[in-house]
N, C-alpha and C. Protein backbone atom coordinates (compact mmCIF):
# COMPACT_ATOMS: atom_id res chain seq x y z
N MET A 1 0.92 -0.96 0.15
CA MET A 1 0.03 0.14 0.16
C MET A 1 0.83 1.35 0.10
N GLU A 2 0.37 2.19 -1.01
CA GLU A 2 1.21 3.46 -1.05
C GLU A 2 1.18 4.69 0.17
N GLN A 3 2.56 4.63 0.47
CA GLN A 3 2.21 5.73 2.05
C GLN A 3 1.47 6.98 1.50
N SER A 4 0.97 7.45 2.49
CA SER A 4 -0.24 8.82 2.20
C SER A 4 0.55 9.84 3.21
N ALA A 5 0.62 11.33 2.95
CA ALA A 5 0.49 11.96 4.10
C ALA A 5 -0.47 12.37 4.96
N SER A 6 -1.44 11.90 4.58
CA SER A 6 -2.93 12.23 5.13
C SER A 6 -2.42 11.56 6.59
N GLY A 7 -2.27 10.60 6.78
CA GLY A 7 -1.75 9.84 8.02
C GLY A 7 -0.85 10.74 9.27
N TYR A 8 -0.45 11.66 8.67
CA TYR A 8 0.55 12.32 9.51
C TYR A 8 0.02 13.91 9.81
N ARG A 9 -1.39 14.18 9.72
CA ARG A 9 -1.85 15.26 10.03
C ARG A 9 -1.71 15.58 11.69
N SER A 10 -2.14 14.41 12.71
CA SER A 10 -1.80 14.54 13.92
C SER A 10 -0.39 15.28 14.63
N GLY A 11 0.53 14.29 13.63
CA GLY A 11 1.99 14.80 14.00
C GLY A 11 2.68 16.21 13.34
N LEU A 12 1.66 16.56 12.34
CA LEU A 12 1.79 18.06 11.63
C LEU A 12 1.27 18.94 13.26
N CYS A 13 -0.13 18.58 13.28
CA CYS A 13 -0.71 19.55 14.12
C CYS A 13 0.21 19.41 15.58
N ASP A 14 0.73 18.66 16.02
CA ASP A 14 1.34 18.67 17.41
C ASP A 14 2.68 19.40 17.11
N GLY A 15 3.12 19.26 16.08
CA GLY A 15 4.63 20.16 15.83
C GLY A 15 4.16 21.64 15.65
N LEU A 16 3.32 21.89 15.03
CA LEU A 16 2.85 23.09 15.16
C LEU A 16 2.67 23.94 16.24
N ALA A 17 2.08 22.91 17.10
CA ALA A 17 1.44 23.43 18.59
C ALA A 17 2.77 23.56 19.46
N GLN A 18 4.03 22.80 19.23
CA GLN A 18 5.03 23.01 19.54
C GLN A 18 5.79 24.14 19.20
N LEU A 19 5.48 24.64 18.07
CA LEU A 19 6.15 25.78 17.47
C LEU A 19 5.64 26.85 17.72
N GLU A 20 4.37 26.86 18.34
CA GLU A 20 3.31 27.76 18.73
C GLU A 20 2.96 28.51 17.32
N LEU A 21 2.70 27.77 16.28
CA LEU A 21 2.12 28.43 15.11
C LEU A 21 0.81 27.75 14.97
N SER A 22 -0.18 28.52 14.33
CA SER A 22 -1.45 28.27 13.90
C SER A 22 -1.91 28.03 12.55
N LEU A 23 -2.39 27.22 11.96
CA LEU A 23 -2.38 27.47 10.36
C LEU A 23 -3.93 26.80 10.44
N SER A 24 -4.47 27.23 9.32
CA SER A 24 -5.73 27.03 8.79
C SER A 24 -5.93 25.28 8.54
N GLU A 25 -7.07 24.99 8.52
CA GLU A 25 -7.05 23.27 7.96
C GLU A 25 -6.66 23.48 6.54
N PHE A 26 -7.18 24.41 5.67
CA PHE A 26 -6.59 24.50 4.35
C PHE A 26 -5.12 24.68 4.04
N GLN A 27 -4.50 25.37 5.07
CA GLN A 27 -2.78 25.59 4.90
C GLN A 27 -2.22 24.14 5.36
N GLN A 28 -2.98 23.49 6.39
CA GLN A 28 -2.52 21.89 6.91
C GLN A 28 -2.41 20.84 5.74
N ASP A 29 -3.88 21.39 5.04
CA ASP A 29 -3.90 20.74 3.63
C ASP A 29 -2.73 20.81 2.90
N GLN A 30 -2.50 21.83 2.61
CA GLN A 30 -1.24 22.10 1.87
C GLN A 30 0.22 21.92 2.49
N MET A 31 0.17 21.51 3.38
CA MET A 31 1.64 21.13 3.96
C MET A 31 1.61 19.35 3.86
N LEU A 32 0.36 18.86 3.91
CA LEU A 32 0.36 17.52 3.61
C LEU A 32 0.47 17.25 2.20
N SER A 33 -0.08 18.13 1.28
CA SER A 33 -0.13 17.86 -0.11
C SER A 33 1.58 18.04 -0.23
N TYR A 34 2.19 18.68 0.07
CA TYR A 34 3.62 19.21 -0.36
C TYR A 34 4.50 17.66 0.01
N LEU A 35 4.07 17.36 1.35
CA LEU A 35 4.95 16.28 1.72
C LEU A 35 4.60 14.76 0.95
N ASP A 36 3.59 14.88 0.55
CA ASP A 36 3.00 13.97 -0.21
C ASP A 36 4.04 13.87 -1.62
N LEU A 37 4.16 15.30 -2.21
CA LEU A 37 4.50 15.37 -3.49
C LEU A 37 6.24 15.09 -3.44
N LEU A 38 6.72 15.74 -2.15
CA LEU A 38 8.10 15.52 -1.93
C LEU A 38 8.28 14.06 -1.75
N PHE A 39 7.46 13.13 -1.15
CA PHE A 39 7.92 11.77 -0.81
C PHE A 39 7.90 11.04 -2.33
N LYS A 40 6.84 11.14 -3.04
CA LYS A 40 6.84 10.61 -4.18
C LYS A 40 8.02 10.69 -5.31
N TRP A 41 8.23 12.39 -5.51
CA TRP A 41 9.04 12.75 -6.31
C TRP A 41 10.31 12.24 -5.91
N ASN A 42 10.65 12.34 -4.91
CA ASN A 42 11.96 11.61 -4.41
C ASN A 42 12.59 10.46 -4.57
N ARG A 43 11.60 9.55 -4.56
CA ARG A 43 11.71 8.09 -5.13
C ARG A 43 12.25 7.74 -6.59
N SER A 44 11.91 8.67 -7.27
CA SER A 44 12.50 8.91 -8.63
C SER A 44 13.48 9.87 -9.01
N PHE A 45 13.78 10.96 -8.11
CA PHE A 45 14.50 12.05 -8.70
C PHE A 45 15.55 12.49 -7.71
N ASN A 46 15.62 11.48 -6.56
CA ASN A 46 16.41 11.91 -5.27
C ASN A 46 16.83 13.56 -5.10
N LEU A 47 15.25 13.95 -4.30
CA LEU A 47 15.62 15.29 -4.15
C LEU A 47 16.05 15.31 -2.59
N SER A 48 16.37 14.61 -2.17
CA SER A 48 16.59 14.78 -0.60
C SER A 48 17.15 13.23 -0.15
N GLY A 49 18.08 13.46 0.69
CA GLY A 49 18.71 12.04 1.59
C GLY A 49 17.57 11.42 2.41
N VAL A 50 16.58 12.37 2.87
CA VAL A 50 15.65 11.83 3.77
C VAL A 50 14.84 11.03 2.99
N ARG A 51 14.84 9.80 3.51
CA ARG A 51 13.36 8.79 2.57
C ARG A 51 12.07 8.45 3.42
N ASP A 52 12.28 8.78 4.73
CA ASP A 52 11.19 8.28 5.64
C ASP A 52 10.23 9.55 5.42
N MET A 53 8.74 9.17 5.41
CA MET A 53 7.95 10.39 5.40
C MET A 53 7.79 10.81 6.65
N SER A 54 8.23 10.02 8.14
CA SER A 54 7.88 10.91 9.17
C SER A 54 9.13 11.69 9.64
N GLN A 55 10.21 11.60 8.97
CA GLN A 55 11.37 12.10 9.10
C GLN A 55 11.40 13.57 8.21
N MET A 56 10.84 13.71 7.05
CA MET A 56 10.45 14.34 6.09
C MET A 56 9.73 15.45 7.09
N LEU A 57 8.60 15.07 7.38
CA LEU A 57 7.62 15.99 8.25
C LEU A 57 8.51 16.64 9.25
N SER A 58 9.46 16.44 10.14
CA SER A 58 9.81 16.81 11.14
C SER A 58 11.22 17.42 10.57
N ARG A 59 12.22 17.08 9.82
CA ARG A 59 13.33 17.61 9.32
C ARG A 59 13.23 18.24 8.19
N HIS A 60 12.36 18.31 7.65
CA HIS A 60 12.07 19.43 6.44
C HIS A 60 10.86 20.34 6.57
N LEU A 61 9.65 20.02 7.04
CA LEU A 61 8.92 20.72 7.20
C LEU A 61 8.69 21.60 8.52
N LEU A 62 8.78 20.82 9.54
CA LEU A 62 8.65 21.39 10.56
C LEU A 62 10.13 22.18 10.86
N ASP A 63 11.11 21.67 10.42
CA ASP A 63 12.67 22.56 10.51
C ASP A 63 12.33 23.68 9.64
N SER A 64 11.79 23.78 8.84
CA SER A 64 11.63 25.10 8.02
C SER A 64 10.82 25.92 8.90
N LEU A 65 9.66 25.58 9.36
CA LEU A 65 8.66 26.54 9.96
C LEU A 65 9.23 26.93 11.26
N SER A 66 10.50 26.39 11.60
CA SER A 66 11.02 26.91 13.04
C SER A 66 11.52 28.57 12.68
N LEU A 67 11.54 28.76 11.53
CA LEU A 67 11.84 30.16 10.86
C LEU A 67 11.01 31.30 10.92
N ALA A 68 9.57 30.73 10.98
CA ALA A 68 8.58 31.57 10.94
C ALA A 68 8.29 32.64 11.78
N PRO A 69 8.56 32.39 13.13
CA PRO A 69 8.41 33.76 14.21
C PRO A 69 9.76 34.80 13.39
N LEU A 70 10.75 34.67 12.92
CA LEU A 70 11.62 35.65 12.72
C LEU A 70 11.22 36.06 11.66
N LEU A 71 10.29 35.82 10.51
CA LEU A 71 10.43 36.18 9.35
C LEU A 71 9.41 37.60 9.48
N THR A 72 9.98 38.74 8.74
CA THR A 72 9.64 39.87 8.59
C THR A 72 9.92 40.35 6.90
N GLY A 73 9.23 41.63 6.56
CA GLY A 73 9.33 41.85 5.16
C GLY A 73 8.19 41.21 4.40
N GLN A 74 8.07 41.56 3.15
CA GLN A 74 7.14 41.20 2.05
C GLN A 74 7.61 40.56 1.15
N CYS A 75 8.98 40.72 0.76
CA CYS A 75 9.66 39.59 -0.29
C CYS A 75 10.85 38.90 0.03
N ILE A 76 10.69 37.79 0.05
CA ILE A 76 11.79 36.80 0.85
C ILE A 76 12.31 36.04 -0.52
N LEU A 77 13.77 36.06 -0.39
CA LEU A 77 14.28 35.23 -1.40
C LEU A 77 14.72 33.93 -0.43
N ASP A 78 14.73 33.00 -1.09
CA ASP A 78 15.24 31.46 -0.71
C ASP A 78 16.45 31.23 -1.51
N VAL A 79 17.40 31.10 -1.02
CA VAL A 79 18.94 30.85 -1.47
C VAL A 79 19.16 29.49 -1.56
N GLY A 80 19.45 28.74 -2.54
CA GLY A 80 19.64 27.39 -2.61
C GLY A 80 18.45 26.45 -2.05
N THR A 81 17.14 26.58 -2.26
CA THR A 81 15.77 26.20 -2.04
C THR A 81 15.95 24.57 -2.15
N GLY A 82 16.56 23.99 -3.29
CA GLY A 82 16.63 22.71 -3.40
C GLY A 82 15.06 22.27 -3.56
N PRO A 83 14.66 21.28 -2.94
CA PRO A 83 13.20 21.03 -3.39
C PRO A 83 12.00 22.04 -2.74
N GLY A 84 12.51 22.91 -2.27
CA GLY A 84 11.58 24.12 -1.87
C GLY A 84 11.45 24.35 -0.32
N LEU A 85 12.97 24.28 0.47
CA LEU A 85 12.99 24.38 1.65
C LEU A 85 13.86 25.33 1.91
N PRO A 86 13.65 26.30 3.08
CA PRO A 86 12.37 26.66 3.82
C PRO A 86 11.39 27.24 2.76
N GLY A 87 11.51 27.66 1.67
CA GLY A 87 10.57 28.18 0.88
C GLY A 87 9.01 28.10 0.96
N ILE A 88 8.86 26.99 0.40
CA ILE A 88 7.51 26.31 0.18
C ILE A 88 6.81 25.95 1.87
N PRO A 89 7.13 25.33 2.44
CA PRO A 89 6.37 25.65 3.87
C PRO A 89 6.35 27.16 4.27
N LEU A 90 7.05 28.00 4.25
CA LEU A 90 6.81 29.30 4.62
C LEU A 90 6.01 30.08 3.88
N ALA A 91 6.06 29.61 2.35
CA ALA A 91 4.89 30.36 1.97
C ALA A 91 3.34 30.02 1.75
N ILE A 92 3.22 28.84 2.55
CA ILE A 92 2.08 28.37 3.03
C ILE A 92 1.62 29.12 4.36
N CYS A 93 2.59 29.15 5.01
CA CYS A 93 2.49 29.86 6.01
C CYS A 93 2.02 31.28 6.10
N PHE A 94 2.71 32.03 5.34
CA PHE A 94 2.38 33.40 4.96
C PHE A 94 2.37 33.69 3.42
N PRO A 95 1.01 33.75 3.15
CA PRO A 95 0.08 33.43 1.84
C PRO A 95 0.38 35.14 1.81
N GLU A 96 0.40 36.08 2.49
CA GLU A 96 0.45 37.45 2.32
C GLU A 96 1.68 37.97 1.79
N LYS A 97 2.65 36.96 1.81
CA LYS A 97 4.33 37.57 1.25
C LYS A 97 4.67 36.85 0.23
N ARG A 98 5.69 37.53 -0.54
CA ARG A 98 6.12 36.93 -1.68
C ARG A 98 7.26 36.30 -1.65
N PHE A 99 7.66 34.84 -2.07
CA PHE A 99 8.61 34.30 -2.07
C PHE A 99 9.34 33.84 -3.46
N ILE A 100 10.65 34.17 -3.36
CA ILE A 100 11.49 33.69 -4.90
C ILE A 100 12.30 32.57 -4.38
N LEU A 101 12.12 31.82 -5.05
CA LEU A 101 12.56 30.19 -4.61
C LEU A 101 13.84 29.87 -5.89
N LEU A 102 14.89 30.20 -5.32
CA LEU A 102 15.98 30.06 -6.62
C LEU A 102 17.11 28.72 -6.19
N ASP A 103 17.44 28.11 -7.07
CA ASP A 103 18.34 26.99 -7.21
C ASP A 103 19.20 26.88 -8.25
N SER A 104 20.05 26.44 -8.28
CA SER A 104 20.86 26.10 -9.58
C SER A 104 20.77 24.87 -10.06
N ASN A 105 19.85 23.81 -9.56
CA ASN A 105 19.69 22.64 -9.95
C ASN A 105 18.61 22.29 -10.54
N GLY A 106 18.41 21.98 -11.94
CA GLY A 106 17.29 22.09 -12.86
C GLY A 106 16.32 21.16 -12.36
N LYS A 107 16.42 19.97 -11.98
CA LYS A 107 15.72 18.87 -11.54
C LYS A 107 14.87 19.23 -9.93
N LYS A 108 15.45 19.96 -9.35
CA LYS A 108 14.72 20.44 -7.84
C LYS A 108 13.96 21.56 -8.27
N THR A 109 14.31 22.51 -9.11
CA THR A 109 13.52 23.67 -9.65
C THR A 109 12.26 23.14 -10.37
N ARG A 110 12.52 21.91 -11.09
CA ARG A 110 11.37 21.59 -11.92
C ARG A 110 10.20 21.06 -10.78
N PHE A 111 10.67 20.28 -9.81
CA PHE A 111 9.58 19.88 -8.79
C PHE A 111 9.13 21.15 -8.07
N VAL A 112 9.90 22.12 -7.89
CA VAL A 112 9.43 23.16 -7.14
C VAL A 112 8.21 23.71 -7.76
N PHE A 113 8.67 23.97 -9.19
CA PHE A 113 7.64 24.50 -10.17
C PHE A 113 6.42 23.68 -10.10
N GLN A 114 6.29 22.62 -10.04
CA GLN A 114 5.39 21.51 -9.95
C GLN A 114 4.44 21.47 -8.99
N ALA A 115 5.16 21.55 -7.58
CA ALA A 115 4.43 22.00 -6.16
C ALA A 115 3.65 23.41 -6.34
N LYS A 116 4.63 24.12 -6.61
CA LYS A 116 3.84 25.78 -6.56
C LYS A 116 2.24 25.38 -7.41
N LEU A 117 2.36 24.73 -8.48
CA LEU A 117 1.22 24.49 -9.36
C LEU A 117 0.22 24.07 -8.73
N GLN A 118 0.49 22.63 -7.96
CA GLN A 118 -0.43 21.91 -7.62
C GLN A 118 -0.98 22.34 -6.20
N LEU A 119 0.01 23.11 -5.62
CA LEU A 119 -0.23 23.74 -4.41
C LEU A 119 -1.09 24.96 -4.34
N GLY A 120 -1.32 25.39 -5.49
CA GLY A 120 -1.73 26.61 -5.66
C GLY A 120 -0.98 27.84 -5.10
N LEU A 121 0.25 27.96 -5.06
CA LEU A 121 1.01 28.89 -4.52
C LEU A 121 1.12 29.96 -5.46
N LYS A 122 0.26 31.06 -5.54
CA LYS A 122 0.26 32.40 -6.29
C LYS A 122 1.40 33.53 -5.82
N ASN A 123 1.83 32.98 -4.24
CA ASN A 123 2.88 34.11 -3.78
C ASN A 123 4.38 33.49 -4.04
N VAL A 124 4.34 32.43 -5.12
CA VAL A 124 5.62 31.91 -5.03
C VAL A 124 6.19 32.02 -6.34
N ASP A 125 7.51 32.58 -6.82
CA ASP A 125 8.41 32.78 -7.85
C ASP A 125 9.49 31.67 -8.02
N VAL A 126 9.52 30.94 -9.07
CA VAL A 126 10.84 29.70 -9.13
C VAL A 126 11.78 30.37 -10.09
N HIS A 127 12.99 30.34 -9.64
CA HIS A 127 14.04 30.96 -10.29
C HIS A 127 15.21 29.53 -10.35
N HIS A 128 15.63 29.19 -11.69
CA HIS A 128 16.52 28.08 -11.85
C HIS A 128 17.60 29.31 -12.34
N GLY A 129 18.66 29.16 -11.56
CA GLY A 129 20.00 29.76 -11.72
C GLY A 129 20.78 29.87 -10.79
N ARG A 130 22.00 30.57 -10.54
CA ARG A 130 22.88 30.68 -9.74
C ARG A 130 22.85 32.19 -9.29
N ILE A 131 23.48 32.09 -7.85
CA ILE A 131 22.45 33.34 -7.13
C ILE A 131 23.43 34.66 -7.47
N GLU A 132 24.44 34.35 -7.71
CA GLU A 132 25.72 35.50 -8.30
C GLU A 132 24.89 36.22 -9.43
N SER A 133 24.34 35.57 -10.28
CA SER A 133 23.52 35.98 -11.50
C SER A 133 22.16 36.60 -11.27
N PHE A 134 21.46 36.43 -10.11
CA PHE A 134 20.07 36.77 -9.99
C PHE A 134 19.84 38.26 -9.79
N LYS A 135 19.18 38.79 -10.59
CA LYS A 135 18.60 40.16 -10.74
C LYS A 135 17.19 40.06 -10.10
N GLU A 136 17.07 40.99 -9.19
CA GLU A 136 15.92 40.77 -8.51
C GLU A 136 14.62 41.39 -8.90
N THR A 137 13.50 40.68 -9.01
CA THR A 137 12.22 41.51 -9.37
C THR A 137 11.30 42.23 -8.45
N CYS A 138 11.66 42.03 -7.30
CA CYS A 138 11.13 43.08 -6.27
C CYS A 138 12.11 43.33 -5.13
N TRP A 139 12.03 44.27 -4.33
CA TRP A 139 13.09 44.48 -3.31
C TRP A 139 13.11 43.33 -2.42
N VAL A 140 13.76 42.84 -2.34
CA VAL A 140 14.20 41.66 -1.59
C VAL A 140 14.55 42.17 0.17
N ASP A 141 13.47 41.78 0.85
CA ASP A 141 13.56 42.50 2.29
C ASP A 141 14.65 41.30 2.79
N THR A 142 14.03 40.20 2.87
CA THR A 142 14.88 38.97 3.82
C THR A 142 15.34 37.94 2.37
N ILE A 143 17.06 37.42 2.87
CA ILE A 143 17.33 36.42 2.25
C ILE A 143 17.27 35.39 3.26
N VAL A 144 16.84 34.07 2.78
CA VAL A 144 16.77 32.88 3.77
C VAL A 144 18.04 31.94 3.18
N SER A 145 18.41 30.86 3.79
CA SER A 145 19.05 30.02 3.53
C SER A 145 18.60 28.84 4.46
N ARG A 146 19.11 27.68 3.79
CA ARG A 146 18.91 26.12 4.67
C ARG A 146 20.01 25.41 4.30
N ALA A 147 20.93 25.26 5.12
CA ALA A 147 22.26 24.33 5.02
C ALA A 147 22.57 24.88 3.49
N PHE A 148 22.87 26.19 3.01
CA PHE A 148 23.14 26.14 1.85
C PHE A 148 24.97 26.43 1.72
N SER A 149 25.41 27.21 2.56
CA SER A 149 26.91 27.33 2.48
C SER A 149 27.17 27.76 3.99
N SER A 150 28.59 28.36 3.89
CA SER A 150 29.22 29.16 5.29
C SER A 150 28.43 30.19 5.05
N LEU A 151 28.52 31.16 6.37
CA LEU A 151 27.70 32.13 6.07
C LEU A 151 28.68 33.67 5.42
N VAL A 152 30.19 32.93 5.46
CA VAL A 152 30.89 33.83 4.45
C VAL A 152 30.51 33.69 3.03
N GLU A 153 30.63 32.79 2.61
CA GLU A 153 30.09 32.86 1.16
C GLU A 153 28.82 33.16 1.01
N MET A 154 27.83 32.24 1.77
CA MET A 154 26.48 33.17 1.93
C MET A 154 26.48 34.76 1.78
N VAL A 155 27.15 35.42 2.50
CA VAL A 155 27.14 37.17 2.16
C VAL A 155 27.95 37.59 0.96
N THR A 156 28.89 36.66 0.56
CA THR A 156 29.67 37.26 -0.40
C THR A 156 28.99 37.08 -1.86
N LEU A 157 28.30 35.98 -1.66
CA LEU A 157 27.41 35.43 -2.85
C LEU A 157 26.31 36.55 -3.28
N THR A 158 25.66 36.81 -2.06
CA THR A 158 24.42 37.87 -2.18
C THR A 158 24.82 39.05 -1.90
N GLN A 159 26.29 39.37 -2.36
CA GLN A 159 26.80 40.77 -1.55
C GLN A 159 26.06 41.79 -2.61
N HIS A 160 25.91 41.56 -4.20
CA HIS A 160 24.92 42.62 -4.97
C HIS A 160 23.88 43.16 -4.40
N LEU A 161 23.44 41.85 -4.01
CA LEU A 161 21.95 42.12 -3.56
C LEU A 161 21.81 42.95 -2.15
N LEU A 162 22.72 42.60 -0.96
CA LEU A 162 22.70 43.02 0.09
C LEU A 162 23.18 44.33 0.22
N LEU A 163 24.05 44.77 -0.73
CA LEU A 163 24.69 46.35 -0.92
C LEU A 163 24.05 47.18 -1.70
N ALA A 164 22.88 46.68 -2.73
CA ALA A 164 22.46 47.42 -3.57
C ALA A 164 21.60 48.89 -2.97
N SER A 165 21.72 49.91 -3.64
CA SER A 165 21.18 51.03 -3.22
C SER A 165 19.85 51.46 -3.71
N GLY A 166 19.27 52.20 -3.12
CA GLY A 166 18.01 52.84 -3.94
C GLY A 166 16.68 52.58 -3.09
N VAL A 167 16.90 51.77 -2.04
CA VAL A 167 15.66 51.94 -1.17
C VAL A 167 16.03 51.74 0.64
N SER A 168 15.75 52.54 1.21
CA SER A 168 16.47 52.86 2.73
C SER A 168 16.37 51.71 3.76
N GLU A 169 15.18 50.80 3.11
CA GLU A 169 14.94 49.79 4.41
C GLU A 169 16.33 48.72 4.38
N PRO A 170 16.52 48.28 5.45
CA PRO A 170 17.82 47.46 5.15
C PRO A 170 17.52 46.05 5.11
N ARG A 171 18.33 45.51 4.38
CA ARG A 171 18.34 44.03 4.06
C ARG A 171 18.95 42.92 5.07
N ARG A 172 18.72 41.86 5.34
CA ARG A 172 19.28 41.16 6.16
C ARG A 172 18.93 39.59 5.90
N VAL A 173 19.88 38.77 6.33
CA VAL A 173 19.94 37.23 5.93
C VAL A 173 19.44 36.66 7.36
N LEU A 174 18.84 35.50 7.26
CA LEU A 174 18.52 34.58 8.15
C LEU A 174 18.76 33.12 7.79
N ALA A 175 19.96 32.61 8.51
CA ALA A 175 20.73 31.30 7.65
C ALA A 175 20.28 30.08 8.98
N MET A 176 20.18 29.23 8.44
CA MET A 176 19.72 27.86 9.42
C MET A 176 20.38 27.01 9.45
N LYS A 177 21.32 26.98 10.46
CA LYS A 177 22.37 25.83 10.86
C LYS A 177 22.19 25.07 11.79
N GLY A 178 22.93 24.10 11.60
CA GLY A 178 22.95 22.99 12.76
C GLY A 178 23.53 23.68 14.24
N GLN A 179 24.92 23.19 14.18
CA GLN A 179 25.75 23.64 15.33
C GLN A 179 26.05 25.05 15.41
N LEU A 180 26.26 25.76 16.39
CA LEU A 180 26.52 27.41 16.87
C LEU A 180 27.70 27.56 15.48
N PRO A 181 27.66 28.55 14.67
CA PRO A 181 28.61 28.19 13.51
C PRO A 181 29.61 29.60 14.06
N ALA A 182 30.35 29.00 15.31
CA ALA A 182 31.47 30.52 15.80
C ALA A 182 32.49 30.67 14.86
N ASP A 183 33.35 29.82 14.41
CA ASP A 183 34.09 30.38 13.44
C ASP A 183 33.72 31.32 12.19
N GLU A 184 32.59 30.97 11.68
CA GLU A 184 31.90 31.43 10.75
C GLU A 184 31.22 32.96 10.97
N LEU A 185 30.74 33.03 12.21
CA LEU A 185 30.63 34.13 12.62
C LEU A 185 31.69 35.09 13.09
N ALA A 186 32.97 34.46 13.11
CA ALA A 186 33.90 35.43 13.55
C ALA A 186 34.61 35.57 12.23
N SER A 187 34.29 35.36 11.07
CA SER A 187 35.01 35.30 9.89
C SER A 187 34.24 36.38 9.04
N LEU A 188 33.37 36.88 9.40
CA LEU A 188 32.23 37.70 8.54
C LEU A 188 32.95 39.00 8.18
N PRO A 189 32.73 39.22 6.94
CA PRO A 189 33.32 40.73 6.58
C PRO A 189 33.05 42.21 7.41
N SER A 190 33.42 42.69 7.34
CA SER A 190 33.34 44.39 8.17
C SER A 190 32.18 44.97 7.88
N TRP A 191 31.30 44.59 6.82
CA TRP A 191 30.21 45.23 6.56
C TRP A 191 28.99 44.70 7.08
N ILE A 192 29.26 43.08 7.43
CA ILE A 192 28.00 42.76 8.14
C ILE A 192 28.17 42.32 9.32
N ALA A 193 27.05 42.74 10.27
CA ALA A 193 27.15 42.82 11.58
C ALA A 193 26.00 41.50 12.22
N PRO A 194 26.52 40.74 12.71
CA PRO A 194 26.02 39.59 13.40
C PRO A 194 24.44 40.24 14.32
N GLY A 195 23.55 39.65 13.87
CA GLY A 195 22.35 39.94 14.77
C GLY A 195 22.10 38.67 15.68
N ARG A 196 20.74 38.68 15.99
CA ARG A 196 20.46 37.39 16.76
C ARG A 196 21.05 35.96 16.39
N VAL A 197 21.29 35.45 17.37
CA VAL A 197 21.77 34.02 17.15
C VAL A 197 20.85 33.06 17.74
N LEU A 198 20.05 32.24 17.44
CA LEU A 198 18.83 31.72 18.30
C LEU A 198 18.87 30.06 18.10
N SER A 199 19.17 29.30 19.70
CA SER A 199 19.15 28.11 19.51
C SER A 199 17.79 27.68 19.49
N VAL A 200 17.00 26.60 18.43
CA VAL A 200 15.54 26.32 18.19
C VAL A 200 15.39 24.95 18.51
N SER A 201 14.30 24.49 18.89
CA SER A 201 14.03 23.21 19.21
C SER A 201 12.92 22.92 18.06
N VAL A 202 13.46 21.61 17.23
CA VAL A 202 12.60 21.45 16.05
C VAL A 202 11.68 20.12 16.30
N PRO A 203 10.39 20.07 16.83
CA PRO A 203 9.75 18.97 17.27
C PRO A 203 10.20 17.66 16.27
N GLY A 204 10.63 16.57 16.70
CA GLY A 204 10.72 15.41 16.33
C GLY A 204 12.39 14.89 15.96
N CYS A 205 13.26 16.39 16.12
CA CYS A 205 14.48 16.23 15.63
C CYS A 205 15.46 16.58 16.94
N ASP A 206 16.46 15.46 16.65
CA ASP A 206 17.47 15.66 17.49
C ASP A 206 18.69 16.38 16.94
N GLY A 207 19.49 16.86 17.89
CA GLY A 207 20.72 17.57 17.44
C GLY A 207 20.34 19.14 17.55
N GLU A 208 21.56 19.75 17.63
CA GLU A 208 21.16 21.28 17.52
C GLU A 208 20.71 21.83 16.62
N ARG A 209 20.21 22.91 16.54
CA ARG A 209 19.42 23.89 15.63
C ARG A 209 19.74 25.19 15.92
N HIS A 210 20.47 25.98 14.78
CA HIS A 210 20.42 27.61 15.38
C HIS A 210 19.90 28.37 14.01
N ILE A 211 19.26 29.57 14.53
CA ILE A 211 19.12 30.42 13.30
C ILE A 211 19.78 31.92 13.54
N VAL A 212 20.63 31.82 12.45
CA VAL A 212 21.57 32.92 12.72
C VAL A 212 20.97 34.50 11.76
N GLU A 213 21.34 35.57 12.54
CA GLU A 213 20.32 36.77 11.86
C GLU A 213 21.88 37.69 11.45
N LEU A 214 22.00 37.77 10.19
CA LEU A 214 23.11 38.96 9.50
C LEU A 214 22.44 40.20 9.09
N LEU A 215 22.93 41.44 9.83
CA LEU A 215 22.35 42.55 9.47
C LEU A 215 23.68 43.53 8.32
N VAL A 216 23.15 44.27 7.39
CA VAL A 216 23.93 45.02 6.81
C VAL A 216 24.28 46.16 7.52
N LYS A 217 25.37 46.56 8.00
CA LYS A 217 25.91 47.93 8.60
C LYS A 217 25.44 49.07 7.68
N ASN A 218 24.98 49.83 8.44
CA ASN A 218 24.71 51.45 8.03
C ASN A 218 26.02 52.11 7.62
N PRO A 219 26.14 52.63 6.37
CA PRO A 219 27.39 53.24 5.88
C PRO A 219 27.75 54.62 6.81
N GLU A 220 28.79 54.83 7.37
CA GLU A 220 29.33 55.93 8.16
C GLU A 220 29.44 57.15 7.31
């Protein structure tokens, strides 16, 4: 019998409660539909090293949603989104915000585009390409990444966006990490200021989880 994500609704609801997030029944249905799609496509296209659906729920969906309390702004760029993480769970959670999901892997962006269509996510734009060549179509308030690269590489590759002039609102980076990246924080360029560094607990996940906020310094 083929496994279905519908049996994981209680696990999703429990996880949302632990994260102190409230989603409508429709949003929960979208989350479970995304989980179904990811599980099915992963068997043929190797989108993720996580094969078990219950682990996908905790290590992918709920882990992505741990970023939700820190998310601000109206246009969010998810760099190295892979199969849509954390971008798709966050786009479901915040239908009023616009999300740009970017990855250089065509196989993964094809999946993300299919998920966008099947889930009816009108607030999601999918881009296939490298971040250093990306030209924004809206003023990106926040850049997010999940296990994309080191913090130094992250800000270096997005420097053309972070330092772009023309709008007074500052931009920031929210990077999802495992262990506290103390060495990476110490190596950041002078134009970046570390913001909040939060230890987060993800339901169903063992091991350390941290969210690192990086801010562009105001010119002197």
